[in-house]
N, C-alpha and C. Protein backbone atom coordinates (compact mmCIF):
# COMPACT_ATOMS: atom_id res chain seq x y z
N UNK A 1 0.84 -1.19 0.00
CA UNK A 1 0.00 0.00 0.00
C UNK A 1 0.88 1.25 0.00
N UNK A 2 0.61 2.20 -0.87
CA UNK A 2 1.45 3.40 -0.92
C UNK A 2 1.29 4.25 0.33
N UNK A 3 2.42 4.80 0.76
CA UNK A 3 2.40 5.67 1.94
C UNK A 3 2.06 7.08 1.52
N UNK A 4 1.18 7.76 2.24
CA UNK A 4 0.88 9.14 1.88
C UNK A 4 2.07 10.05 2.14
N UNK A 5 2.13 11.13 1.38
CA UNK A 5 3.22 12.08 1.54
C UNK A 5 3.06 12.80 2.87
N UNK A 6 4.18 12.95 3.58
CA UNK A 6 4.12 13.63 4.87
C UNK A 6 3.99 15.13 4.65
N UNK A 7 3.40 15.78 5.61
CA UNK A 7 3.28 17.24 5.55
C UNK A 7 1.99 17.67 4.88
N UNK A 8 1.86 18.97 4.75
CA UNK A 8 0.66 19.54 4.15
C UNK A 8 0.59 19.19 2.68
N UNK A 9 -0.63 18.97 2.20
CA UNK A 9 -0.81 18.63 0.80
C UNK A 9 -1.11 19.89 0.00
N UNK A 10 -0.85 19.80 -1.28
CA UNK A 10 -1.23 20.88 -2.18
C UNK A 10 -2.74 20.82 -2.35
N UNK A 11 -3.42 21.89 -2.12
CA UNK A 11 -4.87 21.89 -2.32
C UNK A 11 -5.62 21.59 -1.04
N UNK A 12 -5.70 20.39 -0.61
CA UNK A 12 -6.47 20.07 0.59
C UNK A 12 -6.64 18.58 0.75
N UNK A 13 -7.20 17.94 -0.26
CA UNK A 13 -7.41 16.50 -0.16
C UNK A 13 -6.43 15.79 -1.08
N UNK A 14 -6.21 14.52 -0.85
CA UNK A 14 -5.30 13.78 -1.74
C UNK A 14 -5.77 13.77 -3.20
N UNK A 15 -7.06 13.71 -3.41
CA UNK A 15 -7.58 13.71 -4.78
C UNK A 15 -7.30 15.05 -5.45
N UNK A 16 -7.48 16.14 -4.70
CA UNK A 16 -7.22 17.45 -5.27
C UNK A 16 -5.74 17.62 -5.59
N UNK A 17 -4.88 17.08 -4.74
CA UNK A 17 -3.43 17.15 -5.01
C UNK A 17 -3.08 16.39 -6.28
N UNK A 18 -3.66 15.22 -6.47
CA UNK A 18 -3.41 14.45 -7.70
C UNK A 18 -3.86 15.22 -8.93
N UNK A 19 -5.01 15.90 -8.83
CA UNK A 19 -5.50 16.70 -9.96
C UNK A 19 -4.56 17.87 -10.25
N UNK A 20 -4.08 18.54 -9.20
CA UNK A 20 -3.16 19.67 -9.40
C UNK A 20 -1.89 19.18 -10.10
N UNK A 21 -1.31 18.08 -9.61
CA UNK A 21 -0.08 17.56 -10.20
C UNK A 21 -0.31 17.07 -11.63
N UNK A 22 -1.47 16.47 -11.89
CA UNK A 22 -1.76 16.02 -13.26
C UNK A 22 -1.85 17.21 -14.20
N UNK A 23 -2.49 18.29 -13.76
CA UNK A 23 -2.60 19.48 -14.60
C UNK A 23 -1.24 20.13 -14.81
N UNK A 24 -0.41 20.17 -13.75
CA UNK A 24 0.93 20.73 -13.90
C UNK A 24 1.77 19.90 -14.87
N UNK A 25 1.67 18.58 -14.78
CA UNK A 25 2.42 17.70 -15.68
C UNK A 25 1.95 17.89 -17.12
N UNK A 26 0.65 18.02 -17.31
CA UNK A 26 0.12 18.25 -18.65
C UNK A 26 0.67 19.54 -19.24
N UNK A 27 0.66 20.61 -18.45
CA UNK A 27 1.17 21.89 -18.93
C UNK A 27 2.68 21.84 -19.19
N UNK A 28 3.42 21.13 -18.33
CA UNK A 28 4.87 21.00 -18.52
C UNK A 28 5.18 20.30 -19.84
N UNK A 29 4.49 19.21 -20.14
CA UNK A 29 4.75 18.48 -21.38
C UNK A 29 4.25 19.26 -22.60
N UNK A 30 3.21 20.06 -22.41
CA UNK A 30 2.67 20.83 -23.52
C UNK A 30 3.57 22.02 -23.87
N UNK A 31 4.09 22.71 -22.85
CA UNK A 31 4.84 23.95 -23.09
C UNK A 31 6.35 23.80 -22.92
N UNK A 32 6.81 22.76 -22.24
CA UNK A 32 8.25 22.56 -22.05
C UNK A 32 8.78 23.23 -20.79
N UNK A 33 8.12 24.27 -20.31
CA UNK A 33 8.51 24.94 -19.06
C UNK A 33 7.29 25.65 -18.50
N UNK A 34 7.20 25.64 -17.17
CA UNK A 34 6.11 26.36 -16.50
C UNK A 34 6.67 27.06 -15.27
N UNK A 35 6.01 28.15 -14.88
CA UNK A 35 6.36 28.87 -13.67
C UNK A 35 5.30 28.56 -12.63
N UNK A 36 5.73 28.09 -11.47
CA UNK A 36 4.82 27.72 -10.40
C UNK A 36 5.53 27.95 -9.07
N UNK A 37 4.89 27.60 -7.98
CA UNK A 37 5.54 27.76 -6.68
C UNK A 37 6.61 26.68 -6.51
N UNK A 38 7.56 26.96 -5.64
CA UNK A 38 8.63 25.98 -5.40
C UNK A 38 8.07 24.66 -4.88
N UNK A 39 7.09 24.73 -3.99
CA UNK A 39 6.52 23.50 -3.42
C UNK A 39 5.88 22.64 -4.50
N UNK A 40 5.14 23.27 -5.39
CA UNK A 40 4.50 22.50 -6.47
C UNK A 40 5.54 21.95 -7.44
N UNK A 41 6.57 22.73 -7.72
CA UNK A 41 7.62 22.26 -8.63
C UNK A 41 8.35 21.06 -8.04
N UNK A 42 8.64 21.11 -6.75
CA UNK A 42 9.34 20.00 -6.11
C UNK A 42 8.48 18.75 -6.07
N UNK A 43 7.16 18.92 -5.94
CA UNK A 43 6.27 17.76 -5.93
C UNK A 43 6.02 17.24 -7.34
N UNK A 44 6.11 18.13 -8.34
CA UNK A 44 5.87 17.73 -9.72
C UNK A 44 7.03 16.96 -10.31
N UNK A 45 8.25 17.29 -9.92
CA UNK A 45 9.44 16.71 -10.55
C UNK A 45 9.44 15.18 -10.56
N UNK A 46 9.23 14.48 -9.43
CA UNK A 46 9.27 13.00 -9.50
C UNK A 46 8.16 12.43 -10.38
N UNK A 47 7.00 13.06 -10.37
CA UNK A 47 5.91 12.58 -11.22
C UNK A 47 6.25 12.73 -12.69
N UNK A 48 6.76 13.89 -13.06
CA UNK A 48 7.10 14.14 -14.47
C UNK A 48 8.21 13.20 -14.92
N UNK A 49 9.20 12.98 -14.08
CA UNK A 49 10.31 12.09 -14.47
C UNK A 49 9.82 10.65 -14.63
N UNK A 50 8.92 10.23 -13.77
CA UNK A 50 8.35 8.89 -13.87
C UNK A 50 7.56 8.74 -15.17
N UNK A 51 6.79 9.78 -15.55
CA UNK A 51 6.01 9.72 -16.78
C UNK A 51 6.92 9.70 -18.01
N UNK A 52 8.00 10.45 -17.98
CA UNK A 52 8.93 10.45 -19.11
C UNK A 52 9.60 9.08 -19.25
N UNK A 53 9.95 8.46 -18.12
CA UNK A 53 10.55 7.13 -18.16
C UNK A 53 9.58 6.12 -18.77
N UNK A 54 8.29 6.22 -18.42
CA UNK A 54 7.30 5.35 -19.03
C UNK A 54 7.17 5.63 -20.53
N UNK A 55 7.25 6.89 -20.91
CA UNK A 55 7.15 7.25 -22.33
C UNK A 55 8.34 6.73 -23.12
N UNK A 56 9.52 6.68 -22.47
CA UNK A 56 10.70 6.15 -23.17
C UNK A 56 10.53 4.68 -23.51
N UNK A 57 9.80 3.94 -22.70
CA UNK A 57 9.57 2.52 -23.00
C UNK A 57 8.67 2.38 -24.21
N UNK A 58 7.67 3.25 -24.34
CA UNK A 58 6.91 3.38 -25.56
C UNK A 58 5.86 2.34 -25.87
N UNK A 59 5.62 1.35 -25.02
CA UNK A 59 4.63 0.33 -25.34
C UNK A 59 3.22 0.79 -24.92
N UNK A 60 2.23 0.02 -25.32
CA UNK A 60 0.84 0.40 -25.08
C UNK A 60 0.49 0.40 -23.59
N UNK A 61 1.07 -0.50 -22.84
CA UNK A 61 0.80 -0.56 -21.40
C UNK A 61 1.25 0.74 -20.72
N UNK A 62 2.46 1.19 -21.03
CA UNK A 62 2.96 2.42 -20.43
C UNK A 62 2.18 3.64 -20.94
N UNK A 63 1.73 3.60 -22.19
CA UNK A 63 0.91 4.71 -22.70
C UNK A 63 -0.39 4.80 -21.92
N UNK A 64 -0.99 3.67 -21.64
CA UNK A 64 -2.24 3.68 -20.86
C UNK A 64 -2.00 4.14 -19.43
N UNK A 65 -0.86 3.77 -18.85
CA UNK A 65 -0.55 4.24 -17.50
C UNK A 65 -0.35 5.75 -17.47
N UNK A 66 0.29 6.31 -18.49
CA UNK A 66 0.47 7.76 -18.56
C UNK A 66 -0.88 8.43 -18.77
N UNK A 67 -1.78 7.81 -19.54
CA UNK A 67 -3.10 8.38 -19.76
C UNK A 67 -3.95 8.43 -18.50
N UNK A 68 -3.62 7.62 -17.49
CA UNK A 68 -4.35 7.72 -16.23
C UNK A 68 -4.00 9.01 -15.48
N UNK A 69 -2.83 9.57 -15.75
CA UNK A 69 -2.43 10.81 -15.10
C UNK A 69 -2.71 12.00 -16.01
N UNK A 70 -2.17 11.97 -17.22
CA UNK A 70 -2.34 13.05 -18.18
C UNK A 70 -3.55 12.69 -19.05
N UNK A 71 -4.64 13.43 -18.90
CA UNK A 71 -5.89 13.07 -19.58
C UNK A 71 -5.95 13.51 -21.04
N UNK A 72 -5.12 14.45 -21.44
CA UNK A 72 -5.14 14.97 -22.81
C UNK A 72 -4.36 14.03 -23.73
N UNK A 73 -5.06 13.40 -24.68
CA UNK A 73 -4.42 12.44 -25.58
C UNK A 73 -3.40 13.12 -26.49
N UNK A 74 -3.63 14.36 -26.87
CA UNK A 74 -2.69 15.08 -27.70
C UNK A 74 -1.36 15.32 -26.99
N UNK A 75 -1.42 15.63 -25.71
CA UNK A 75 -0.21 15.84 -24.92
C UNK A 75 0.53 14.51 -24.72
N UNK A 76 -0.22 13.44 -24.50
CA UNK A 76 0.41 12.12 -24.35
C UNK A 76 1.09 11.71 -25.65
N UNK A 77 0.45 11.98 -26.76
CA UNK A 77 1.06 11.68 -28.07
C UNK A 77 2.35 12.49 -28.24
N UNK A 78 2.31 13.78 -27.89
CA UNK A 78 3.50 14.63 -27.97
C UNK A 78 4.60 14.11 -27.05
N UNK A 79 4.22 13.66 -25.85
CA UNK A 79 5.19 13.11 -24.90
C UNK A 79 5.87 11.86 -25.47
N UNK A 80 5.09 10.96 -26.05
CA UNK A 80 5.65 9.71 -26.55
C UNK A 80 6.41 9.89 -27.86
N UNK A 81 5.95 10.79 -28.73
CA UNK A 81 6.55 10.91 -30.06
C UNK A 81 7.67 11.96 -30.13
N UNK A 82 7.60 13.01 -29.33
CA UNK A 82 8.58 14.09 -29.44
C UNK A 82 9.52 14.17 -28.24
N UNK A 83 8.96 14.14 -27.05
CA UNK A 83 9.77 14.37 -25.85
C UNK A 83 10.61 13.14 -25.49
N UNK A 84 9.98 11.97 -25.45
CA UNK A 84 10.69 10.75 -25.03
C UNK A 84 11.91 10.43 -25.90
N UNK A 85 11.85 10.54 -27.23
CA UNK A 85 13.05 10.23 -28.03
C UNK A 85 14.23 11.16 -27.74
N UNK A 86 13.96 12.41 -27.32
CA UNK A 86 15.06 13.32 -27.01
C UNK A 86 15.80 12.90 -25.74
N UNK A 87 15.13 12.13 -24.88
CA UNK A 87 15.75 11.68 -23.64
C UNK A 87 16.15 10.21 -23.71
N UNK A 88 16.26 9.64 -24.90
CA UNK A 88 16.53 8.21 -25.06
C UNK A 88 17.85 7.81 -24.41
N UNK A 89 18.88 8.62 -24.52
CA UNK A 89 20.20 8.28 -23.98
C UNK A 89 20.39 8.75 -22.53
N UNK A 90 19.46 9.54 -22.02
CA UNK A 90 19.60 10.10 -20.68
C UNK A 90 18.98 9.14 -19.66
N UNK A 91 19.73 8.72 -18.63
CA UNK A 91 19.20 7.77 -17.66
C UNK A 91 18.35 8.40 -16.56
N UNK A 92 18.09 9.65 -16.61
CA UNK A 92 17.28 10.34 -15.60
C UNK A 92 17.62 11.81 -15.62
N UNK A 93 17.01 12.56 -14.72
CA UNK A 93 17.29 13.99 -14.66
C UNK A 93 16.74 14.72 -15.86
N UNK A 94 15.45 14.49 -16.15
CA UNK A 94 14.84 15.07 -17.34
C UNK A 94 14.35 16.50 -17.10
N UNK A 95 14.22 16.90 -15.82
CA UNK A 95 13.69 18.22 -15.51
C UNK A 95 14.69 19.03 -14.71
N UNK A 96 14.50 20.35 -14.74
CA UNK A 96 15.36 21.27 -13.99
C UNK A 96 14.45 22.27 -13.29
N UNK A 97 14.74 22.54 -12.01
CA UNK A 97 13.99 23.55 -11.26
C UNK A 97 14.92 24.72 -11.01
N UNK A 98 14.47 25.92 -11.39
CA UNK A 98 15.24 27.14 -11.18
C UNK A 98 14.39 28.10 -10.36
N UNK A 99 14.92 28.55 -9.22
CA UNK A 99 14.18 29.50 -8.38
C UNK A 99 14.24 30.88 -9.01
N UNK A 100 13.10 31.57 -9.03
CA UNK A 100 13.04 32.87 -9.70
C UNK A 100 12.64 34.01 -8.78
N UNK A 101 12.51 33.79 -7.50
CA UNK A 101 12.19 34.89 -6.60
C UNK A 101 10.81 34.76 -6.01
N UNK A 102 10.30 35.87 -5.49
CA UNK A 102 9.02 35.87 -4.81
C UNK A 102 7.92 36.42 -5.71
N UNK A 103 6.72 35.87 -5.54
CA UNK A 103 5.56 36.37 -6.28
C UNK A 103 5.13 37.71 -5.71
N UNK A 104 4.70 38.61 -6.57
CA UNK A 104 4.40 39.97 -6.14
C UNK A 104 3.23 40.04 -5.16
N UNK A 105 2.19 39.30 -5.40
CA UNK A 105 0.97 39.44 -4.59
C UNK A 105 1.11 38.93 -3.16
N UNK A 106 1.65 37.72 -2.99
CA UNK A 106 1.69 37.13 -1.65
C UNK A 106 3.09 36.70 -1.22
N UNK A 107 4.10 37.06 -1.97
CA UNK A 107 5.50 36.76 -1.66
C UNK A 107 5.76 35.26 -1.55
N UNK A 108 5.03 34.47 -2.35
CA UNK A 108 5.28 33.03 -2.39
C UNK A 108 6.53 32.78 -3.21
N UNK A 109 7.43 31.88 -2.75
CA UNK A 109 8.63 31.59 -3.54
C UNK A 109 8.26 30.88 -4.84
N UNK A 110 8.72 31.42 -5.95
CA UNK A 110 8.36 30.90 -7.27
C UNK A 110 9.56 30.18 -7.90
N UNK A 111 9.25 29.29 -8.82
CA UNK A 111 10.30 28.52 -9.51
C UNK A 111 9.82 28.21 -10.92
N UNK A 112 10.80 28.01 -11.80
CA UNK A 112 10.51 27.56 -13.16
C UNK A 112 10.95 26.11 -13.23
N UNK A 113 10.05 25.24 -13.64
CA UNK A 113 10.41 23.84 -13.89
C UNK A 113 10.35 23.64 -15.40
N UNK A 114 11.41 23.07 -15.94
CA UNK A 114 11.51 22.92 -17.39
C UNK A 114 12.13 21.58 -17.75
N UNK A 115 11.87 21.16 -18.97
CA UNK A 115 12.50 19.95 -19.50
C UNK A 115 13.91 20.31 -19.94
N UNK A 116 14.87 19.47 -19.60
CA UNK A 116 16.27 19.72 -19.94
C UNK A 116 16.44 19.51 -21.44
N UNK A 117 17.05 20.49 -22.10
CA UNK A 117 17.20 20.39 -23.55
C UNK A 117 18.65 20.18 -23.98
N UNK A 118 19.60 20.37 -23.06
CA UNK A 118 21.01 20.19 -23.41
C UNK A 118 21.32 18.71 -23.61
N UNK A 119 22.25 18.40 -24.51
CA UNK A 119 22.63 17.00 -24.69
C UNK A 119 23.38 16.49 -23.46
N UNK A 120 23.26 15.21 -23.25
CA UNK A 120 23.89 14.58 -22.10
C UNK A 120 25.39 14.48 -22.31
N UNK A 121 26.16 14.72 -21.25
CA UNK A 121 27.61 14.56 -21.30
C UNK A 121 27.91 13.07 -21.30
N UNK A 122 28.45 12.50 -22.38
CA UNK A 122 28.60 11.05 -22.46
C UNK A 122 29.62 10.48 -21.49
N UNK A 123 30.38 11.30 -20.79
CA UNK A 123 31.40 10.79 -19.88
C UNK A 123 30.77 10.09 -18.69
N UNK A 124 29.65 10.59 -18.19
CA UNK A 124 29.07 10.05 -16.98
C UNK A 124 27.87 9.15 -17.22
N UNK A 125 27.71 8.62 -18.43
CA UNK A 125 26.54 7.81 -18.75
C UNK A 125 26.66 6.40 -18.21
N UNK A 126 27.78 5.75 -18.41
CA UNK A 126 27.93 4.32 -18.13
C UNK A 126 28.16 4.07 -16.65
N UNK A 127 27.51 3.01 -16.15
CA UNK A 127 27.73 2.62 -14.76
C UNK A 127 29.02 1.79 -14.63
N UNK A 128 29.49 1.20 -15.73
CA UNK A 128 30.71 0.41 -15.67
C UNK A 128 31.94 1.28 -15.80
N UNK A 129 31.75 2.54 -16.14
CA UNK A 129 32.88 3.43 -16.36
C UNK A 129 33.69 3.69 -15.09
N UNK A 130 33.07 3.86 -13.90
CA UNK A 130 33.90 4.08 -12.72
C UNK A 130 34.88 2.93 -12.47
N UNK A 131 34.47 1.69 -12.76
CA UNK A 131 35.38 0.56 -12.61
C UNK A 131 36.54 0.68 -13.59
N UNK A 132 36.24 1.11 -14.80
CA UNK A 132 37.30 1.29 -15.81
C UNK A 132 38.22 2.42 -15.39
N UNK A 133 37.66 3.49 -14.81
CA UNK A 133 38.49 4.59 -14.35
C UNK A 133 39.35 4.15 -13.18
N UNK A 134 38.82 3.24 -12.35
CA UNK A 134 39.59 2.76 -11.20
C UNK A 134 40.82 1.97 -11.68
N UNK A 135 40.67 1.26 -12.80
CA UNK A 135 41.80 0.50 -13.33
C UNK A 135 42.84 1.42 -13.97
N UNK A 136 42.39 2.48 -14.62
CA UNK A 136 43.31 3.39 -15.30
C UNK A 136 44.31 4.04 -14.36
N UNK A 137 43.88 4.56 -13.19
CA UNK A 137 44.87 5.18 -12.31
C UNK A 137 45.93 4.20 -11.83
N UNK A 138 45.57 2.93 -11.71
CA UNK A 138 46.58 1.94 -11.34
C UNK A 138 47.65 1.84 -12.42
N UNK A 139 47.23 1.93 -13.68
CA UNK A 139 48.19 1.87 -14.78
C UNK A 139 49.01 3.15 -14.84
N UNK A 140 48.39 4.28 -14.56
CA UNK A 140 49.09 5.55 -14.63
C UNK A 140 50.18 5.67 -13.58
N UNK A 141 49.97 5.23 -12.31
CA UNK A 141 51.09 5.31 -11.37
C UNK A 141 52.28 4.46 -11.80
N UNK A 142 52.02 3.33 -12.45
CA UNK A 142 53.14 2.52 -12.94
C UNK A 142 53.92 3.30 -13.98
N UNK A 143 53.20 3.99 -14.87
CA UNK A 143 53.87 4.81 -15.87
C UNK A 143 54.59 5.97 -15.20
N UNK A 144 53.97 6.52 -14.16
CA UNK A 144 54.59 7.64 -13.44
C UNK A 144 55.87 7.17 -12.74
N UNK A 145 55.82 5.95 -12.19
CA UNK A 145 57.01 5.41 -11.53
C UNK A 145 58.14 5.21 -12.54
N UNK A 146 57.77 4.74 -13.75
CA UNK A 146 58.77 4.57 -14.79
C UNK A 146 59.37 5.91 -15.18
N UNK A 147 58.52 6.92 -15.29
CA UNK A 147 59.00 8.26 -15.64
C UNK A 147 59.91 8.81 -14.53
N UNK A 148 59.53 8.56 -13.26
CA UNK A 148 60.36 9.01 -12.14
C UNK A 148 61.71 8.31 -12.17
N UNK A 149 61.69 7.00 -12.46
CA UNK A 149 62.93 6.24 -12.51
C UNK A 149 63.83 6.78 -13.62
N UNK A 150 63.22 7.08 -14.78
CA UNK A 150 64.00 7.63 -15.89
C UNK A 150 64.58 8.99 -15.53
N UNK A 151 63.76 9.83 -14.87
CA UNK A 151 64.26 11.16 -14.50
C UNK A 151 65.35 11.04 -13.42
N UNK A 152 65.22 10.05 -12.52
CA UNK A 152 66.25 9.84 -11.50
C UNK A 152 67.56 9.40 -12.16
N UNK A 153 67.45 8.54 -13.17
CA UNK A 153 68.65 8.11 -13.89
C UNK A 153 69.29 9.29 -14.61
N UNK A 154 68.48 10.15 -15.18
CA UNK A 154 69.00 11.32 -15.89
C UNK A 154 69.69 12.26 -14.90
N UNK A 155 69.08 12.44 -13.71
CA UNK A 155 69.69 13.30 -12.69
C UNK A 155 71.01 12.72 -12.18
N UNK A 156 71.01 11.39 -11.99
CA UNK A 156 72.24 10.77 -11.49
C UNK A 156 73.35 10.86 -12.54
N UNK A 157 72.97 10.84 -13.81
CA UNK A 157 73.96 10.98 -14.87
C UNK A 157 74.50 12.41 -14.90
N UNK A 158 73.67 13.39 -14.55
CA UNK A 158 74.09 14.79 -14.54
C UNK A 158 74.95 15.10 -13.33
N UNK A 159 74.70 14.47 -12.20
CA UNK A 159 75.43 14.75 -10.96
C UNK A 159 76.92 14.52 -11.09
N UNK A 160 77.38 13.41 -11.67
CA UNK A 160 78.83 13.25 -11.80
C UNK A 160 79.45 14.35 -12.65
N UNK A 161 78.75 14.80 -13.69
CA UNK A 161 79.28 15.88 -14.51
C UNK A 161 79.43 17.13 -13.67
N UNK A 162 78.44 17.39 -12.79
CA UNK A 162 78.50 18.56 -11.93
C UNK A 162 79.63 18.39 -10.92
N UNK A 163 79.82 17.17 -10.44
CA UNK A 163 80.90 16.91 -9.47
C UNK A 163 82.26 17.02 -10.17
N UNK A 164 82.33 16.62 -11.45
CA UNK A 164 83.58 16.70 -12.18
C UNK A 164 83.98 18.15 -12.46
N UNK A 165 83.04 19.01 -12.69
CA UNK A 165 83.33 20.41 -13.02
C UNK A 165 84.09 21.10 -11.89
N UNK A 166 83.70 21.01 -10.62
CA UNK A 166 84.48 21.66 -9.56
C UNK A 166 85.85 21.01 -9.41
N UNK A 167 85.92 19.69 -9.63
CA UNK A 167 87.22 19.02 -9.53
C UNK A 167 88.15 19.54 -10.61
N UNK A 168 87.64 19.74 -11.82
CA UNK A 168 88.46 20.26 -12.92
C UNK A 168 88.92 21.68 -12.60
N UNK A 169 88.04 22.48 -11.99
CA UNK A 169 88.39 23.85 -11.62
C UNK A 169 89.50 23.85 -10.58
N UNK A 170 89.37 22.97 -9.59
CA UNK A 170 90.40 22.91 -8.54
C UNK A 170 91.75 22.45 -9.12
N UNK A 171 91.71 21.51 -10.09
CA UNK A 171 92.96 21.06 -10.73
C UNK A 171 93.57 22.21 -11.54
N UNK A 172 92.74 22.99 -12.20
CA UNK A 172 93.24 24.13 -12.99
C UNK A 172 93.89 25.16 -12.07
N UNK A 173 93.29 25.36 -10.87
CA UNK A 173 93.84 26.32 -9.91
C UNK A 173 95.21 25.83 -9.42
N UNK A 174 95.31 24.51 -9.18
CA UNK A 174 96.58 23.95 -8.70
C UNK A 174 97.66 24.13 -9.76
N UNK A 175 97.32 23.93 -11.05
CA UNK A 175 98.28 24.07 -12.13
C UNK A 175 98.75 25.53 -12.24
N UNK A 176 97.83 26.44 -12.05
CA UNK A 176 98.15 27.87 -12.13
C UNK A 176 99.02 28.30 -10.95
N UNK A 177 98.90 27.68 -9.84
CA UNK A 177 99.64 28.10 -8.66
C UNK A 177 101.03 27.62 -8.70
């Protein structure tokens, strides 16, 4: 059984909160960005991300599950055909919340929630990559040790030359005296 959200609800009753979030999600998918209160944006984000994940799967079962929340068939079609393919390579984090200040009338903190449009940085996509990165530093210290050994050999080769130079100077002084 699902646990109810702790704290005050948006609206008043759980049903009214679901309707508010469904309408916000519909507007977000229709327009790409909406301005709302911070509390509503924070509550909308997990719902919107869950709906986008279902849209990425693209089958009829997930389409029907999204239709239980977003009642507008045109918006659901736009979500499945336009929005979901843009997030195909992204494993999550489809939305961004940006705080924009206080509302003029009642000083409520406002925020813009929008769909992320920037391409994903491919460096942090793979879950197996940290293991590969962990192996690389082990190889790099070995190379670094080899480089240190080579530089130590080069320094040791230079030291006798430096030691020979003062000895040659002292021999020259003895000859002159």
